[in-house]
Amino acid sequence: MTVTGIFTALIIGLIIGALGRLVVPGKQSIPIWLTIVVGIVAAFLGTALANAVGVGTTAGVDWIEIIFQIGLAAIGVALVAGFYGRRHVHR
């Protein structure tokens, strides 16, 4: 993987993670780096899911793939926020 590929994955992860975080109601007390990691994982899984369903490559913007990615990011943010909030006691 090149430096450009890593940088692109970080940017896409940030965007997908932030959109997933916006979808989840309430306040999520997780750090930005964890949001990026969730976004990167959701982007990869969303792409794999879209390809498995057969909608990974379409003419124009792959809206269904993006919806899969954001949905998975929202699920990931909700799960991580639940586990992260329980692990760290906030005073």
C-alpha atoms as a PDB file:
ATOM      1  CA  MET A   1       0.000   0.000   0.000  1.00  0.00           C
ATOM      2  CA  THR A   2       1.364   3.414  -0.943  1.00  0.00           C
ATOM      3  CA  VAL A   3       1.403   6.562   1.169  1.00  0.00           C
ATOM      4  CA  THR A   4      -1.379   7.945  -1.010  1.00  0.00           C
ATOM      5  CA  GLY A   5      -3.457   4.820  -0.392  1.00  0.00           C
ATOM      6  CA  ILE A   6      -2.992   5.102   3.363  1.00  0.00           C
ATOM      7  CA  PHE A   7      -3.872   8.802   3.305  1.00  0.00           C
ATOM      8  CA  THR A   8      -6.954   8.108   1.185  1.00  0.00           C
ATOM      9  CA  ALA A   9      -8.068   5.315   3.548  1.00  0.00           C
ATOM     10  CA  LEU A  10      -7.740   7.703   6.504  1.00  0.00           C
ATOM     11  CA  ILE A  11      -9.802  10.401   4.783  1.00  0.00           C
ATOM     12  CA  ILE A  12     -12.491   7.949   3.647  1.00  0.00           C
ATOM     13  CA  GLY A  13     -12.518   6.391   7.128  1.00  0.00           C
ATOM     14  CA  LEU A  14     -12.960   9.795   8.728  1.00  0.00           C
ATOM     15  CA  ILE A  15     -15.837  10.699   6.419  1.00  0.00           C
ATOM     16  CA  ILE A  16     -17.626   7.340   6.690  1.00  0.00           C
ATOM     17  CA  GLY A  17     -17.054   7.229  10.468  1.00  0.00           C
ATOM     18  CA  ALA A  18     -18.347  10.787  10.920  1.00  0.00           C
ATOM     19  CA  LEU A  19     -21.447  10.053   8.828  1.00  0.00           C
ATOM     20  CA  GLY A  20     -22.036   6.865  10.798  1.00  0.00           C
ATOM     21  CA  ARG A  21     -21.638   8.839  14.017  1.00  0.00           C
ATOM     22  CA  LEU A  22     -24.219  11.372  12.822  1.00  0.00           C
ATOM     23  CA  VAL A  23     -26.730   8.585  12.167  1.00  0.00           C
ATOM     24  CA  VAL A  24     -26.470   7.203  15.715  1.00  0.00           C
ATOM     25  CA  PRO A  25     -28.693   9.184  18.109  1.00  0.00           C
ATOM     26  CA  GLY A  26     -27.283  10.640  21.317  1.00  0.00           C
ATOM     27  CA  LYS A  27     -23.751  11.503  22.348  1.00  0.00           C
ATOM     28  CA  GLN A  28     -20.979   9.032  21.639  1.00  0.00           C
ATOM     29  CA  SER A  29     -18.019   9.529  23.919  1.00  0.00           C
ATOM     30  CA  ILE A  30     -15.392   7.876  21.741  1.00  0.00           C
ATOM     31  CA  PRO A  31     -12.221   9.533  20.472  1.00  0.00           C
ATOM     32  CA  ILE A  32     -11.818  10.647  16.854  1.00  0.00           C
ATOM     33  CA  TRP A  33      -9.140   8.031  16.163  1.00  0.00           C
ATOM     34  CA  LEU A  34     -11.621   5.298  17.089  1.00  0.00           C
ATOM     35  CA  THR A  35     -14.247   6.876  14.825  1.00  0.00           C
ATOM     36  CA  ILE A  36     -11.711   6.774  11.969  1.00  0.00           C
ATOM     37  CA  VAL A  37     -10.886   3.118  12.648  1.00  0.00           C
ATOM     38  CA  VAL A  38     -14.594   2.212  12.696  1.00  0.00           C
ATOM     39  CA  GLY A  39     -15.059   4.178   9.454  1.00  0.00           C
ATOM     40  CA  ILE A  40     -12.177   2.411   7.710  1.00  0.00           C
ATOM     41  CA  VAL A  41     -13.441  -1.021   8.754  1.00  0.00           C
ATOM     42  CA  ALA A  42     -17.005  -0.090   7.728  1.00  0.00           C
ATOM     43  CA  ALA A  43     -15.774   1.171   4.347  1.00  0.00           C
ATOM     44  CA  PHE A  44     -14.010  -2.128   3.622  1.00  0.00           C
ATOM     45  CA  LEU A  45     -16.921  -4.249   4.886  1.00  0.00           C
ATOM     46  CA  GLY A  46     -19.489  -2.115   3.045  1.00  0.00           C
ATOM     47  CA  THR A  47     -17.592  -2.505  -0.210  1.00  0.00           C
ATOM     48  CA  ALA A  48     -17.322  -6.270   0.296  1.00  0.00           C
ATOM     49  CA  LEU A  49     -21.046  -6.482   1.106  1.00  0.00           C
ATOM     50  CA  ALA A  50     -21.977  -4.411  -1.960  1.00  0.00           C
ATOM     51  CA  ASN A  51     -19.821  -6.644  -4.172  1.00  0.00           C
ATOM     52  CA  ALA A  52     -21.348  -9.778  -2.633  1.00  0.00           C
ATOM     53  CA  VAL A  53     -24.858  -8.501  -3.338  1.00  0.00           C
ATOM     54  CA  GLY A  54     -23.874  -7.462  -6.851  1.00  0.00           C
ATOM     55  CA  VAL A  55     -24.212  -3.674  -6.559  1.00  0.00           C
ATOM     56  CA  GLY A  56     -20.545  -2.835  -5.956  1.00  0.00           C
ATOM     57  CA  THR A  57     -19.938  -1.489  -9.436  1.00  0.00           C
ATOM     58  CA  THR A  58     -22.608   0.637 -11.042  1.00  0.00           C
ATOM     59  CA  ALA A  59     -22.629   3.481 -13.521  1.00  0.00           C
ATOM     60  CA  GLY A  60     -21.962   6.750 -11.716  1.00  0.00           C
ATOM     61  CA  VAL A  61     -21.859   7.039  -7.948  1.00  0.00           C
ATOM     62  CA  ASP A  62     -22.304   3.783  -6.042  1.00  0.00           C
ATOM     63  CA  TRP A  63     -25.019   5.079  -3.706  1.00  0.00           C
ATOM     64  CA  ILE A  64     -26.024   1.643  -2.432  1.00  0.00           C
ATOM     65  CA  GLU A  65     -22.409   0.901  -1.521  1.00  0.00           C
ATOM     66  CA  ILE A  66     -22.165   4.211   0.337  1.00  0.00           C
ATOM     67  CA  ILE A  67     -25.393   3.456   2.209  1.00  0.00           C
ATOM     68  CA  PHE A  68     -23.985   0.049   3.210  1.00  0.00           C
ATOM     69  CA  GLN A  69     -20.776   1.705   4.431  1.00  0.00           C
ATOM     70  CA  ILE A  70     -22.579   4.375   6.461  1.00  0.00           C
ATOM     71  CA  GLY A  71     -24.995   1.823   7.921  1.00  0.00           C
ATOM     72  CA  LEU A  72     -22.142  -0.426   8.994  1.00  0.00           C
ATOM     73  CA  ALA A  73     -20.285   2.585  10.414  1.00  0.00           C
ATOM     74  CA  ALA A  74     -23.375   3.546  12.430  1.00  0.00           C
ATOM     75  CA  ILE A  75     -23.634   0.014  13.813  1.00  0.00           C
ATOM     76  CA  GLY A  76     -19.899   0.021  14.555  1.00  0.00           C
ATOM     77  CA  VAL A  77     -20.001   3.414  16.283  1.00  0.00           C
ATOM     78  CA  ALA A  78     -22.963   2.337  18.410  1.00  0.00           C
ATOM     79  CA  LEU A  79     -21.232  -0.900  19.439  1.00  0.00           C
ATOM     80  CA  VAL A  80     -17.872   0.726  20.110  1.00  0.00           C
ATOM     81  CA  ALA A  81     -19.455   3.607  22.044  1.00  0.00           C
ATOM     82  CA  GLY A  82     -21.275   1.085  24.224  1.00  0.00           C
ATOM     83  CA  PHE A  83     -18.137  -0.906  24.983  1.00  0.00           C
ATOM     84  CA  TYR A  84     -15.838   2.115  25.254  1.00  0.00           C
ATOM     85  CA  GLY A  85     -18.217   3.929  27.604  1.00  0.00           C
ATOM     86  CA  ARG A  86     -18.414   0.940  29.937  1.00  0.00           C
ATOM     87  CA  ARG A  87     -14.677   0.421  29.978  1.00  0.00           C
ATOM     88  CA  HIS A  88     -13.768   4.017  30.839  1.00  0.00           C
ATOM     89  CA  VAL A  89     -15.330   5.581  33.898  1.00  0.00           C
ATOM     90  CA  HIS A  90     -16.006   9.265  33.317  1.00  0.00           C
ATOM     91  CA  ARG A  91     -16.218  11.469  36.403  1.00  0.00           C
END
